Amino acid sequence: MRISGFTMVKNATLLYYPIKQAIQSILPIVDEFIVALGDCDPEDRTEAEIRSIGSDKIRIIHTVWDIEAYPNGMENAHQTDIARSHCTGDWLFYLQADEVVHEKYLPVIRQRCEELLSDPAVEGLLFQYLHFWGDYHHHQVSHGWYKNEIRIIRNLPDIRSWESAQSFRRIPAFDGKNYRQKQGTHKLKVAKVGAFIYHYGWVRPPQLMQAKKKSLDTIHKGESRVAEMYQNSPPEFDYGPLGRMALFTGTQPAVMKDWIEKFDWREQLNYSGKELHPSRDKHKHESFKYRLLTFAEQRLLGGKEIGGFKNYELLRGKKYR
């Protein structure tokens, strides 16, 4: 059995992505790791960061991004697909540049891949998620934050990245352009893997968080629209009262140790449960509707999500759960 790791990335060091840690976190259980590295800005050091890992498992594929040809976030999926197309494993393990796996899950993941390898019903493996917010001690449990997602897929030609690269679908008659097409596509049939992805996409110094958010909005909405959106925006992202967020009491992945030691924006965060800037734009999870739904899910339904879109079909049977 062979497992390929893969990812896509651009301007990771400029935008504070822990790309090195993401790759290192699963390197022990993959036979190769493919990186689709976009055309980074001259001052970015992403390639140097990746090469500093010093592993012959890693292969970098240089790419050029074109958000006009792939608008509405589809360039993310296109770049992911480029990396996927160079993988040679039986299973393909996808991590985004801000996703890390705790070392305690590596044996579990490897064993799950082995026991399901010969089961053709399984097209992908489903991971649980921890979404950190503001720092490394608080995380999101709000309604609307995805609790599960596919991160390991079979190496089949019609399984492709989908929409803006959050997930995957089978697209048998893919036209090479429309990663958001729904007609004629199929959700993957998946089994649970029993492991978490640690997502650090919302943990950055406030100024860099605003820069990253602007970069993502540009990929999804285009430069002219984003110029209007951010014309009067503050230079720093406001995470809001962290005192209202769920507290994380577990351990962080070992590969994150040096990265977490760089945490130096504590004084810019609001650790109380009180609003310090009443006039700021509220985040979706702070709205009355989402707070009500979150209360119902967490206090009345034992964490079961109300509604919500699931881009997968969880196979029936004890062996898949």
C-alpha atoms as a PDB file:
ATOM      1  CA  MET A   1       0.000   0.000   0.000  1.00  0.00           C
ATOM      2  CA  ARG A   2       1.244   3.442  -0.938  1.00  0.00           C
ATOM      3  CA  ILE A   3      -0.026   6.762   0.457  1.00  0.00           C
ATOM      4  CA  SER A   4       0.645  10.060  -1.304  1.00  0.00           C
ATOM      5  CA  GLY A   5       0.407  13.365   0.529  1.00  0.00           C
ATOM      6  CA  PHE A   6      -0.473  16.458  -1.484  1.00  0.00           C
ATOM      7  CA  THR A   7      -1.243  20.154  -1.128  1.00  0.00           C
ATOM      8  CA  MET A   8      -1.263  23.458  -2.979  1.00  0.00           C
ATOM      9  CA  VAL A   9       0.091  26.736  -1.680  1.00  0.00           C
ATOM     10  CA  LYS A  10       1.084  30.267  -2.608  1.00  0.00           C
ATOM     11  CA  ASN A  11       2.676  33.023  -0.481  1.00  0.00           C
ATOM     12  CA  ALA A  12       2.586  30.899   2.664  1.00  0.00           C
ATOM     13  CA  THR A  13       5.243  32.852   4.561  1.00  0.00           C
ATOM     14  CA  LEU A  14       3.783  36.243   3.634  1.00  0.00           C
ATOM     15  CA  LEU A  15       0.325  35.179   4.830  1.00  0.00           C
ATOM     16  CA  TYR A  16       1.409  33.179   7.903  1.00  0.00           C
ATOM     17  CA  TYR A  17       0.517  29.659   6.770  1.00  0.00           C
ATOM     18  CA  PRO A  18       2.263  26.838   8.702  1.00  0.00           C
ATOM     19  CA  ILE A  19       2.993  24.974   5.462  1.00  0.00           C
ATOM     20  CA  LYS A  20       6.187  23.366   6.763  1.00  0.00           C
ATOM     21  CA  GLN A  21       4.372  22.016   9.818  1.00  0.00           C
ATOM     22  CA  ALA A  22       1.450  20.766   7.700  1.00  0.00           C
ATOM     23  CA  ILE A  23       3.770  18.710   5.505  1.00  0.00           C
ATOM     24  CA  GLN A  24       5.870  17.447   8.414  1.00  0.00           C
ATOM     25  CA  SER A  25       2.784  16.307  10.312  1.00  0.00           C
ATOM     26  CA  ILE A  26       1.970  13.445   7.900  1.00  0.00           C
ATOM     27  CA  LEU A  27       5.372  12.886   6.309  1.00  0.00           C
ATOM     28  CA  PRO A  28       6.074   9.765   8.452  1.00  0.00           C
ATOM     29  CA  ILE A  29       3.120   7.841   6.962  1.00  0.00           C
ATOM     30  CA  VAL A  30       3.273   8.923   3.301  1.00  0.00           C
ATOM     31  CA  ASP A  31       5.536   7.565   0.586  1.00  0.00           C
ATOM     32  CA  GLU A  32       5.656  10.889  -1.267  1.00  0.00           C
ATOM     33  CA  PHE A  33       4.387  14.429  -0.771  1.00  0.00           C
ATOM     34  CA  ILE A  34       3.436  16.531  -3.794  1.00  0.00           C
ATOM     35  CA  VAL A  35       3.304  20.325  -3.495  1.00  0.00           C
ATOM     36  CA  ALA A  36       1.743  22.508  -6.195  1.00  0.00           C
ATOM     37  CA  LEU A  37       3.645  25.731  -5.483  1.00  0.00           C
ATOM     38  CA  GLY A  38       2.118  28.828  -7.072  1.00  0.00           C
ATOM     39  CA  ASP A  39       3.909  31.862  -8.434  1.00  0.00           C
ATOM     40  CA  CYS A  40       4.687  33.511  -5.104  1.00  0.00           C
ATOM     41  CA  ASP A  41       5.595  37.159  -4.604  1.00  0.00           C
ATOM     42  CA  PRO A  42       9.362  37.872  -4.768  1.00  0.00           C
ATOM     43  CA  GLU A  43       9.673  38.455  -1.015  1.00  0.00           C
ATOM     44  CA  ASP A  44       7.902  35.203  -0.104  1.00  0.00           C
ATOM     45  CA  ARG A  45      10.009  32.300   1.228  1.00  0.00           C
ATOM     46  CA  THR A  46       7.579  29.392   0.858  1.00  0.00           C
ATOM     47  CA  GLU A  47       9.846  27.264  -1.333  1.00  0.00           C
ATOM     48  CA  ALA A  48      12.781  27.717   1.037  1.00  0.00           C
ATOM     49  CA  GLU A  49      10.551  26.709   3.975  1.00  0.00           C
ATOM     50  CA  ILE A  50       9.460  23.535   2.228  1.00  0.00           C
ATOM     51  CA  ARG A  51      12.976  22.618   1.117  1.00  0.00           C
ATOM     52  CA  SER A  52      14.269  23.163   4.672  1.00  0.00           C
ATOM     53  CA  ILE A  53      12.381  20.005   5.689  1.00  0.00           C
ATOM     54  CA  GLY A  54      15.102  18.113   3.836  1.00  0.00           C
ATOM     55  CA  SER A  55      13.048  15.092   2.783  1.00  0.00           C
ATOM     56  CA  ASP A  56      13.432  13.281  -0.531  1.00  0.00           C
ATOM     57  CA  LYS A  57       9.745  12.361  -0.288  1.00  0.00           C
ATOM     58  CA  ILE A  58       8.792  15.929  -1.215  1.00  0.00           C
ATOM     59  CA  ARG A  59       8.312  16.922  -4.853  1.00  0.00           C
ATOM     60  CA  ILE A  60       7.501  20.522  -5.811  1.00  0.00           C
ATOM     61  CA  ILE A  61       5.473  21.267  -8.934  1.00  0.00           C
ATOM     62  CA  HIS A  62       5.766  24.944  -9.943  1.00  0.00           C
ATOM     63  CA  THR A  63       2.483  26.463 -11.131  1.00  0.00           C
ATOM     64  CA  VAL A  64       0.979  29.798 -12.213  1.00  0.00           C
ATOM     65  CA  TRP A  65      -2.320  30.978 -10.734  1.00  0.00           C
ATOM     66  CA  ASP A  66      -5.040  32.448 -12.952  1.00  0.00           C
ATOM     67  CA  ILE A  67      -8.105  33.609 -11.016  1.00  0.00           C
ATOM     68  CA  GLU A  68      -9.659  35.032 -14.170  1.00  0.00           C
ATOM     69  CA  ALA A  69      -9.699  31.614 -15.825  1.00  0.00           C
ATOM     70  CA  TYR A  70     -10.785  29.958 -12.555  1.00  0.00           C
ATOM     71  CA  PRO A  71     -12.957  32.530 -10.704  1.00  0.00           C
ATOM     72  CA  ASN A  72     -15.140  32.191  -7.597  1.00  0.00           C
ATOM     73  CA  GLY A  73     -12.499  30.304  -5.653  1.00  0.00           C
ATOM     74  CA  MET A  74     -12.073  27.610  -8.302  1.00  0.00           C
ATOM     75  CA  GLU A  75      -8.354  28.335  -8.696  1.00  0.00           C
ATOM     76  CA  ASN A  76      -7.935  26.715  -5.274  1.00  0.00           C
ATOM     77  CA  ALA A  77      -9.539  23.544  -6.628  1.00  0.00           C
ATOM     78  CA  HIS A  78      -7.573  23.763  -9.874  1.00  0.00           C
ATOM     79  CA  GLN A  79      -4.266  24.002  -8.007  1.00  0.00           C
ATOM     80  CA  THR A  80      -5.286  21.145  -5.714  1.00  0.00           C
ATOM     81  CA  ASP A  81      -6.102  19.055  -8.777  1.00  0.00           C
ATOM     82  CA  ILE A  82      -2.673  19.758 -10.269  1.00  0.00           C
ATOM     83  CA  ALA A  83      -1.025  18.355  -7.151  1.00  0.00           C
ATOM     84  CA  ARG A  84      -3.427  15.394  -7.081  1.00  0.00           C
ATOM     85  CA  SER A  85      -2.646  14.514 -10.698  1.00  0.00           C
ATOM     86  CA  HIS A  86       1.034  13.931  -9.833  1.00  0.00           C
ATOM     87  CA  CYS A  87       0.287  11.502  -6.973  1.00  0.00           C
ATOM     88  CA  THR A  88       1.082   7.806  -7.421  1.00  0.00           C
ATOM     89  CA  GLY A  89      -0.296   6.263  -4.223  1.00  0.00           C
ATOM     90  CA  ASP A  90      -3.301   4.014  -3.636  1.00  0.00           C
ATOM     91  CA  TRP A  91      -4.626   6.572  -1.132  1.00  0.00           C
ATOM     92  CA  LEU A  92      -4.114  10.337  -1.507  1.00  0.00           C
ATOM     93  CA  PHE A  93      -3.894  12.380   1.715  1.00  0.00           C
ATOM     94  CA  TYR A  94      -4.759  16.046   1.169  1.00  0.00           C
ATOM     95  CA  LEU A  95      -3.844  18.763   3.644  1.00  0.00           C
ATOM     96  CA  GLN A  96      -4.346  22.459   3.116  1.00  0.00           C
ATOM     97  CA  ALA A  97      -1.501  24.764   4.100  1.00  0.00           C
ATOM     98  CA  ASP A  98      -3.099  25.618   7.452  1.00  0.00           C
ATOM     99  CA  GLU A  99      -4.092  22.058   8.427  1.00  0.00           C
ATOM    100  CA  VAL A 100      -1.990  19.846  10.695  1.00  0.00           C
ATOM    101  CA  VAL A 101      -2.390  16.282  12.006  1.00  0.00           C
ATOM    102  CA  HIS A 102      -1.459  15.386  15.581  1.00  0.00           C
ATOM    103  CA  GLU A 103       1.144  12.633  15.728  1.00  0.00           C
ATOM    104  CA  LYS A 104      -1.096  10.527  17.978  1.00  0.00           C
ATOM    105  CA  TYR A 105      -3.395   9.910  14.998  1.00  0.00           C
ATOM    106  CA  LEU A 106      -0.763   8.708  12.514  1.00  0.00           C
ATOM    107  CA  PRO A 107      -0.931   4.987  13.470  1.00  0.00           C
ATOM    108  CA  VAL A 108      -4.737   5.163  13.453  1.00  0.00           C
ATOM    109  CA  ILE A 109      -4.808   6.702   9.968  1.00  0.00           C
ATOM    110  CA  ARG A 110      -2.276   4.239   8.552  1.00  0.00           C
ATOM    111  CA  GLN A 111      -4.172   1.261   9.970  1.00  0.00           C
ATOM    112  CA  ARG A 112      -7.494   2.566   8.622  1.00  0.00           C
ATOM    113  CA  CYS A 113      -6.003   2.917   5.142  1.00  0.00           C
ATOM    114  CA  GLU A 114      -4.700  -0.653   5.294  1.00  0.00           C
ATOM    115  CA  GLU A 115      -7.937  -2.242   6.486  1.00  0.00           C
ATOM    116  CA  LEU A 116     -10.088  -0.438   3.894  1.00  0.00           C
ATOM    117  CA  LEU A 117      -7.706  -0.687   0.946  1.00  0.00           C
ATOM    118  CA  SER A 118      -9.412  -3.758  -0.513  1.00  0.00           C
ATOM    119  CA  ASP A 119     -12.955  -2.432   0.050  1.00  0.00           C
ATOM    120  CA  PRO A 120     -13.998  -0.754  -3.217  1.00  0.00           C
ATOM    121  CA  ALA A 121     -17.113   0.724  -1.586  1.00  0.00           C
ATOM    122  CA  VAL A 122     -14.905   3.237   0.238  1.00  0.00           C
ATOM    123  CA  GLU A 123     -13.934   6.184  -1.969  1.00  0.00           C
ATOM    124  CA  GLY A 124     -12.668   8.458   0.778  1.00  0.00           C
ATOM    125  CA  LEU A 125     -11.968   8.820   4.496  1.00  0.00           C
ATOM    126  CA  LEU A 126     -13.730  11.343   6.700  1.00  0.00           C
ATOM    127  CA  PHE A 127     -11.900  13.378   9.363  1.00  0.00           C
ATOM    128  CA  GLN A 128     -13.231  15.421  12.255  1.00  0.00           C
ATOM    129  CA  TYR A 129     -12.144  19.058  12.638  1.00  0.00           C
ATOM    130  CA  LEU A 130     -10.845  21.426  15.284  1.00  0.00           C
ATOM    131  CA  HIS A 131     -11.065  25.037  14.073  1.00  0.00           C
ATOM    132  CA  PHE A 132      -8.829  27.251  16.227  1.00  0.00           C
ATOM    133  CA  TRP A 133      -9.766  30.914  16.565  1.00  0.00           C
ATOM    134  CA  GLY A 134      -7.529  33.841  17.516  1.00  0.00           C
ATOM    135  CA  ASP A 135      -4.944  31.815  19.411  1.00  0.00           C
ATOM    136  CA  TYR A 136      -4.053  28.189  20.143  1.00  0.00           C
ATOM    137  CA  HIS A 137      -6.344  27.849  23.173  1.00  0.00           C
ATOM    138  CA  HIS A 138      -9.758  28.680  21.698  1.00  0.00           C
ATOM    139  CA  HIS A 139     -11.768  26.978  18.979  1.00  0.00           C
ATOM    140  CA  GLN A 140     -15.064  27.203  17.160  1.00  0.00           C
ATOM    141  CA  VAL A 141     -18.059  25.028  18.011  1.00  0.00           C
ATOM    142  CA  SER A 142     -20.522  27.393  16.344  1.00  0.00           C
ATOM    143  CA  HIS A 143     -23.214  26.319  13.918  1.00  0.00           C
ATOM    144  CA  GLY A 144     -22.004  26.603  10.342  1.00  0.00           C
ATOM    145  CA  TRP A 145     -18.397  25.524  10.944  1.00  0.00           C
ATOM    146  CA  TYR A 146     -17.851  22.185   9.234  1.00  0.00           C
ATOM    147  CA  LYS A 147     -17.303  19.400  11.726  1.00  0.00           C
ATOM    148  CA  ASN A 148     -16.175  16.767   9.224  1.00  0.00           C
ATOM    149  CA  GLU A 149     -14.504  16.718   5.842  1.00  0.00           C
ATOM    150  CA  ILE A 150     -12.881  14.323   3.366  1.00  0.00           C
ATOM    151  CA  ARG A 151      -9.102  14.426   3.465  1.00  0.00           C
ATOM    152  CA  ILE A 152      -8.082  11.022   2.085  1.00  0.00           C
ATOM    153  CA  ILE A 153      -9.316   9.859  -1.318  1.00  0.00           C
ATOM    154  CA  ARG A 154      -8.701   6.907  -3.592  1.00  0.00           C
ATOM    155  CA  ASN A 155      -6.423   7.521  -6.558  1.00  0.00           C
ATOM    156  CA  LEU A 156      -9.178   7.453  -9.176  1.00  0.00           C
ATOM    157  CA  PRO A 157      -9.106   9.801 -12.201  1.00  0.00           C
ATOM    158  CA  ASP A 158     -12.664  11.081 -11.820  1.00  0.00           C
ATOM    159  CA  ILE A 159     -12.269  12.057  -8.147  1.00  0.00           C
ATOM    160  CA  ARG A 160     -11.456  15.745  -8.242  1.00  0.00           C
ATOM    161  CA  SER A 161     -11.222  18.736  -5.984  1.00  0.00           C
ATOM    162  CA  TRP A 162     -14.556  20.538  -5.816  1.00  0.00           C
ATOM    163  CA  GLU A 163     -15.783  24.143  -5.537  1.00  0.00           C
ATOM    164  CA  SER A 164     -13.008  26.076  -3.745  1.00  0.00           C
ATOM    165  CA  ALA A 165     -11.040  22.995  -2.653  1.00  0.00           C
ATOM    166  CA  GLN A 166     -12.734  22.322   0.662  1.00  0.00           C
ATOM    167  CA  SER A 167     -13.743  18.852  -0.492  1.00  0.00           C
ATOM    168  CA  PHE A 168     -13.867  16.315  -3.341  1.00  0.00           C
ATOM    169  CA  ARG A 169     -16.402  14.786  -5.742  1.00  0.00           C
ATOM    170  CA  ARG A 170     -16.544  12.279  -8.553  1.00  0.00           C
ATOM    171  CA  ILE A 171     -16.857  14.248 -11.798  1.00  0.00           C
ATOM    172  CA  PRO A 172     -16.895  11.670 -14.612  1.00  0.00           C
ATOM    173  CA  ALA A 173     -17.320  14.119 -17.501  1.00  0.00           C
ATOM    174  CA  PHE A 174     -15.205  16.977 -16.194  1.00  0.00           C
ATOM    175  CA  ASP A 175     -14.711  19.857 -18.636  1.00  0.00           C
ATOM    176  CA  GLY A 176     -11.443  20.952 -17.042  1.00  0.00           C
ATOM    177  CA  LYS A 177     -12.824  24.338 -15.997  1.00  0.00           C
ATOM    178  CA  ASN A 178     -15.981  24.246 -13.883  1.00  0.00           C
ATOM    179  CA  TYR A 179     -15.034  22.993 -10.430  1.00  0.00           C
ATOM    180  CA  ARG A 180     -18.394  24.190  -9.126  1.00  0.00           C
ATOM    181  CA  GLN A 181     -20.542  22.042 -11.372  1.00  0.00           C
ATOM    182  CA  LYS A 182     -23.124  19.883  -9.589  1.00  0.00           C
ATOM    183  CA  GLN A 183     -25.001  18.214 -12.430  1.00  0.00           C
ATOM    184  CA  GLY A 184     -23.488  14.858 -13.282  1.00  0.00           C
ATOM    185  CA  THR A 185     -21.266  14.791 -10.175  1.00  0.00           C
ATOM    186  CA  HIS A 186     -21.396  12.321  -7.283  1.00  0.00           C
ATOM    187  CA  LYS A 187     -20.665  12.680  -3.598  1.00  0.00           C
ATOM    188  CA  LEU A 188     -17.952  10.310  -2.401  1.00  0.00           C
ATOM    189  CA  LYS A 189     -18.902   7.283  -0.324  1.00  0.00           C
ATOM    190  CA  VAL A 190     -16.780   7.541   2.801  1.00  0.00           C
ATOM    191  CA  ALA A 191     -15.819   5.840   6.055  1.00  0.00           C
ATOM    192  CA  LYS A 192     -14.782   7.550   9.258  1.00  0.00           C
ATOM    193  CA  VAL A 193     -11.099   7.453  10.064  1.00  0.00           C
ATOM    194  CA  GLY A 194     -11.212   8.309  13.790  1.00  0.00           C
ATOM    195  CA  ALA A 195      -8.836  11.274  13.660  1.00  0.00           C
ATOM    196  CA  PHE A 196      -8.921  15.079  13.760  1.00  0.00           C
ATOM    197  CA  ILE A 197      -7.536  17.744  11.493  1.00  0.00           C
ATOM    198  CA  TYR A 198      -6.234  20.754  13.443  1.00  0.00           C
ATOM    199  CA  HIS A 199      -7.179  23.808  11.407  1.00  0.00           C
ATOM    200  CA  TYR A 200      -5.224  27.040  12.065  1.00  0.00           C
ATOM    201  CA  GLY A 201      -6.718  29.158   9.291  1.00  0.00           C
ATOM    202  CA  TRP A 202      -8.020  31.734  11.773  1.00  0.00           C
ATOM    203  CA  VAL A 203      -4.926  31.979  13.986  1.00  0.00           C
ATOM    204  CA  ARG A 204      -2.623  34.807  12.900  1.00  0.00           C
ATOM    205  CA  PRO A 205      -1.456  38.205  14.075  1.00  0.00           C
ATOM    206  CA  PRO A 206      -4.476  40.489  13.463  1.00  0.00           C
ATOM    207  CA  GLN A 207      -2.792  42.435  10.644  1.00  0.00           C
ATOM    208  CA  LEU A 208      -1.807  39.257   8.815  1.00  0.00           C
ATOM    209  CA  MET A 209      -5.249  37.760   9.439  1.00  0.00           C
ATOM    210  CA  GLN A 210      -6.745  40.742   7.623  1.00  0.00           C
ATOM    211  CA  ALA A 211      -4.241  40.308   4.776  1.00  0.00           C
ATOM    212  CA  LYS A 212      -5.056  36.593   4.475  1.00  0.00           C
ATOM    213  CA  LYS A 213      -8.800  37.288   4.510  1.00  0.00           C
ATOM    214  CA  LYS A 214      -8.354  39.883   1.767  1.00  0.00           C
ATOM    215  CA  SER A 215      -6.301  37.419  -0.285  1.00  0.00           C
ATOM    216  CA  LEU A 216      -9.010  34.750  -0.021  1.00  0.00           C
ATOM    217  CA  ASP A 217     -11.728  37.238  -0.912  1.00  0.00           C
ATOM    218  CA  THR A 218      -9.712  38.229  -3.987  1.00  0.00           C
ATOM    219  CA  ILE A 219      -9.582  34.597  -5.135  1.00  0.00           C
ATOM    220  CA  HIS A 220     -13.345  34.303  -4.699  1.00  0.00           C
ATOM    221  CA  LYS A 221     -14.598  37.747  -5.748  1.00  0.00           C
ATOM    222  CA  GLY A 222     -11.921  39.337  -7.901  1.00  0.00           C
ATOM    223  CA  GLU A 223      -9.595  42.288  -7.357  1.00  0.00           C
ATOM    224  CA  SER A 224     -11.986  45.125  -8.239  1.00  0.00           C
ATOM    225  CA  ARG A 225     -14.742  43.880  -5.925  1.00  0.00           C
ATOM    226  CA  VAL A 226     -12.297  43.352  -3.066  1.00  0.00           C
ATOM    227  CA  ALA A 227     -10.836  46.847  -3.533  1.00  0.00           C
ATOM    228  CA  GLU A 228     -14.325  48.225  -2.858  1.00  0.00           C
ATOM    229  CA  MET A 229     -14.968  45.872   0.052  1.00  0.00           C
ATOM    230  CA  TYR A 230     -11.769  46.799   1.897  1.00  0.00           C
ATOM    231  CA  GLN A 231     -11.662  50.491   1.043  1.00  0.00           C
ATOM    232  CA  ASN A 232     -12.655  51.565   4.553  1.00  0.00           C
ATOM    233  CA  SER A 233     -11.701  48.426   6.447  1.00  0.00           C
ATOM    234  CA  PRO A 234      -9.431  48.557   9.495  1.00  0.00           C
ATOM    235  CA  PRO A 235      -5.876  47.283   8.951  1.00  0.00           C
ATOM    236  CA  GLU A 236      -6.276  44.637  11.645  1.00  0.00           C
ATOM    237  CA  PHE A 237      -8.747  41.786  12.009  1.00  0.00           C
ATOM    238  CA  ASP A 238     -10.864  41.857  15.179  1.00  0.00           C
ATOM    239  CA  TYR A 239     -11.482  38.351  16.529  1.00  0.00           C
ATOM    240  CA  GLY A 240     -14.051  39.626  19.030  1.00  0.00           C
ATOM    241  CA  PRO A 241     -14.395  38.419  22.642  1.00  0.00           C
ATOM    242  CA  LEU A 242     -12.439  35.186  22.980  1.00  0.00           C
ATOM    243  CA  GLY A 243     -14.018  34.727  26.389  1.00  0.00           C
ATOM    244  CA  ARG A 244     -17.145  33.537  24.587  1.00  0.00           C
ATOM    245  CA  MET A 245     -15.284  30.849  22.633  1.00  0.00           C
ATOM    246  CA  ALA A 246     -14.768  27.192  23.553  1.00  0.00           C
ATOM    247  CA  LEU A 247     -11.537  26.508  25.429  1.00  0.00           C
ATOM    248  CA  PHE A 248      -9.164  23.887  24.017  1.00  0.00           C
ATOM    249  CA  THR A 249      -7.605  21.744  26.762  1.00  0.00           C
ATOM    250  CA  GLY A 250      -5.795  19.122  24.695  1.00  0.00           C
ATOM    251  CA  THR A 251      -2.233  19.044  23.389  1.00  0.00           C
ATOM    252  CA  GLN A 252      -1.028  20.591  20.155  1.00  0.00           C
ATOM    253  CA  PRO A 253       0.841  18.583  17.490  1.00  0.00           C
ATOM    254  CA  ALA A 254       4.561  18.313  18.260  1.00  0.00           C
ATOM    255  CA  VAL A 255       5.488  19.800  14.874  1.00  0.00           C
ATOM    256  CA  MET A 256       3.690  23.018  15.904  1.00  0.00           C
ATOM    257  CA  LYS A 257       5.933  23.686  18.914  1.00  0.00           C
ATOM    258  CA  ASP A 258       8.286  26.222  17.292  1.00  0.00           C
ATOM    259  CA  TRP A 259       5.421  27.831  15.365  1.00  0.00           C
ATOM    260  CA  ILE A 260       3.322  28.316  18.504  1.00  0.00           C
ATOM    261  CA  GLU A 261       6.325  29.836  20.301  1.00  0.00           C
ATOM    262  CA  LYS A 262       6.116  32.723  17.799  1.00  0.00           C
ATOM    263  CA  PHE A 263       2.733  33.709  19.263  1.00  0.00           C
ATOM    264  CA  ASP A 264       3.191  37.381  20.152  1.00  0.00           C
ATOM    265  CA  TRP A 265      -0.182  39.046  19.583  1.00  0.00           C
ATOM    266  CA  ARG A 266      -1.774  38.260  22.948  1.00  0.00           C
ATOM    267  CA  GLU A 267      -2.043  41.958  23.808  1.00  0.00           C
ATOM    268  CA  GLN A 268      -4.103  42.537  20.651  1.00  0.00           C
ATOM    269  CA  LEU A 269      -6.754  39.995  21.641  1.00  0.00           C
ATOM    270  CA  ASN A 270      -9.836  40.454  23.799  1.00  0.00           C
ATOM    271  CA  TYR A 271      -9.868  37.638  26.353  1.00  0.00           C
ATOM    272  CA  SER A 272     -12.950  38.892  28.160  1.00  0.00           C
ATOM    273  CA  GLY A 273     -16.499  37.898  27.395  1.00  0.00           C
ATOM    274  CA  LYS A 274     -17.411  41.530  26.822  1.00  0.00           C
ATOM    275  CA  GLU A 275     -17.564  43.454  23.571  1.00  0.00           C
ATOM    276  CA  LEU A 276     -14.874  46.149  23.470  1.00  0.00           C
ATOM    277  CA  HIS A 277     -15.759  47.562  20.044  1.00  0.00           C
ATOM    278  CA  PRO A 278     -19.581  47.649  19.751  1.00  0.00           C
ATOM    279  CA  SER A 279     -19.534  49.282  16.310  1.00  0.00           C
ATOM    280  CA  ARG A 280     -17.398  46.616  14.603  1.00  0.00           C
ATOM    281  CA  ASP A 281     -18.868  44.248  12.034  1.00  0.00           C
ATOM    282  CA  LYS A 282     -19.924  41.068  13.782  1.00  0.00           C
ATOM    283  CA  HIS A 283     -18.767  37.641  12.666  1.00  0.00           C
ATOM    284  CA  LYS A 284     -21.396  35.168  11.500  1.00  0.00           C
ATOM    285  CA  HIS A 285     -21.024  33.036  14.629  1.00  0.00           C
ATOM    286  CA  GLU A 286     -21.862  36.091  16.768  1.00  0.00           C
ATOM    287  CA  SER A 287     -25.272  36.723  15.190  1.00  0.00           C
ATOM    288  CA  PHE A 288     -28.407  35.939  17.207  1.00  0.00           C
ATOM    289  CA  LYS A 289     -29.499  33.289  14.701  1.00  0.00           C
ATOM    290  CA  TYR A 290     -26.211  31.398  14.856  1.00  0.00           C
ATOM    291  CA  ARG A 291     -25.932  31.701  18.630  1.00  0.00           C
ATOM    292  CA  LEU A 292     -29.456  30.262  18.958  1.00  0.00           C
ATOM    293  CA  LEU A 293     -28.678  27.378  16.596  1.00  0.00           C
ATOM    294  CA  THR A 294     -25.389  26.697  18.388  1.00  0.00           C
ATOM    295  CA  PHE A 295     -27.161  26.627  21.773  1.00  0.00           C
ATOM    296  CA  ALA A 296     -29.712  24.135  20.449  1.00  0.00           C
ATOM    297  CA  GLU A 297     -27.038  21.916  18.900  1.00  0.00           C
ATOM    298  CA  GLN A 298     -24.685  21.916  21.871  1.00  0.00           C
ATOM    299  CA  ARG A 299     -27.133  21.956  24.790  1.00  0.00           C
ATOM    300  CA  LEU A 300     -30.195  20.136  23.470  1.00  0.00           C
ATOM    301  CA  LEU A 301     -29.016  17.869  20.651  1.00  0.00           C
ATOM    302  CA  GLY A 302     -25.686  16.618  21.998  1.00  0.00           C
ATOM    303  CA  GLY A 303     -23.672  18.292  19.248  1.00  0.00           C
ATOM    304  CA  LYS A 304     -25.831  17.082  16.363  1.00  0.00           C
ATOM    305  CA  GLU A 305     -25.938  19.672  13.594  1.00  0.00           C
ATOM    306  CA  ILE A 306     -29.218  21.268  12.538  1.00  0.00           C
ATOM    307  CA  GLY A 307     -29.448  21.151   8.751  1.00  0.00           C
ATOM    308  CA  GLY A 308     -26.152  21.875   7.086  1.00  0.00           C
ATOM    309  CA  PHE A 309     -24.683  20.581   3.839  1.00  0.00           C
ATOM    310  CA  LYS A 310     -22.622  17.398   3.811  1.00  0.00           C
ATOM    311  CA  ASN A 311     -20.578  16.775   0.684  1.00  0.00           C
ATOM    312  CA  TYR A 312     -20.246  13.036   1.300  1.00  0.00           C
ATOM    313  CA  GLU A 313     -22.248   9.862   1.851  1.00  0.00           C
ATOM    314  CA  LEU A 314     -21.277   8.024   5.024  1.00  0.00           C
ATOM    315  CA  LEU A 315     -21.435   4.306   4.302  1.00  0.00           C
ATOM    316  CA  ARG A 316     -23.767   2.184   6.415  1.00  0.00           C
ATOM    317  CA  GLY A 317     -22.374  -0.493   8.653  1.00  0.00           C
ATOM    318  CA  LYS A 318     -20.303  -0.687  11.815  1.00  0.00           C
ATOM    319  CA  LYS A 319     -17.009  -1.094   9.959  1.00  0.00           C
ATOM    320  CA  TYR A 320     -17.430   2.338   8.372  1.00  0.00           C
ATOM    321  CA  ARG A 321     -18.345   4.249  11.521  1.00  0.00           C
END
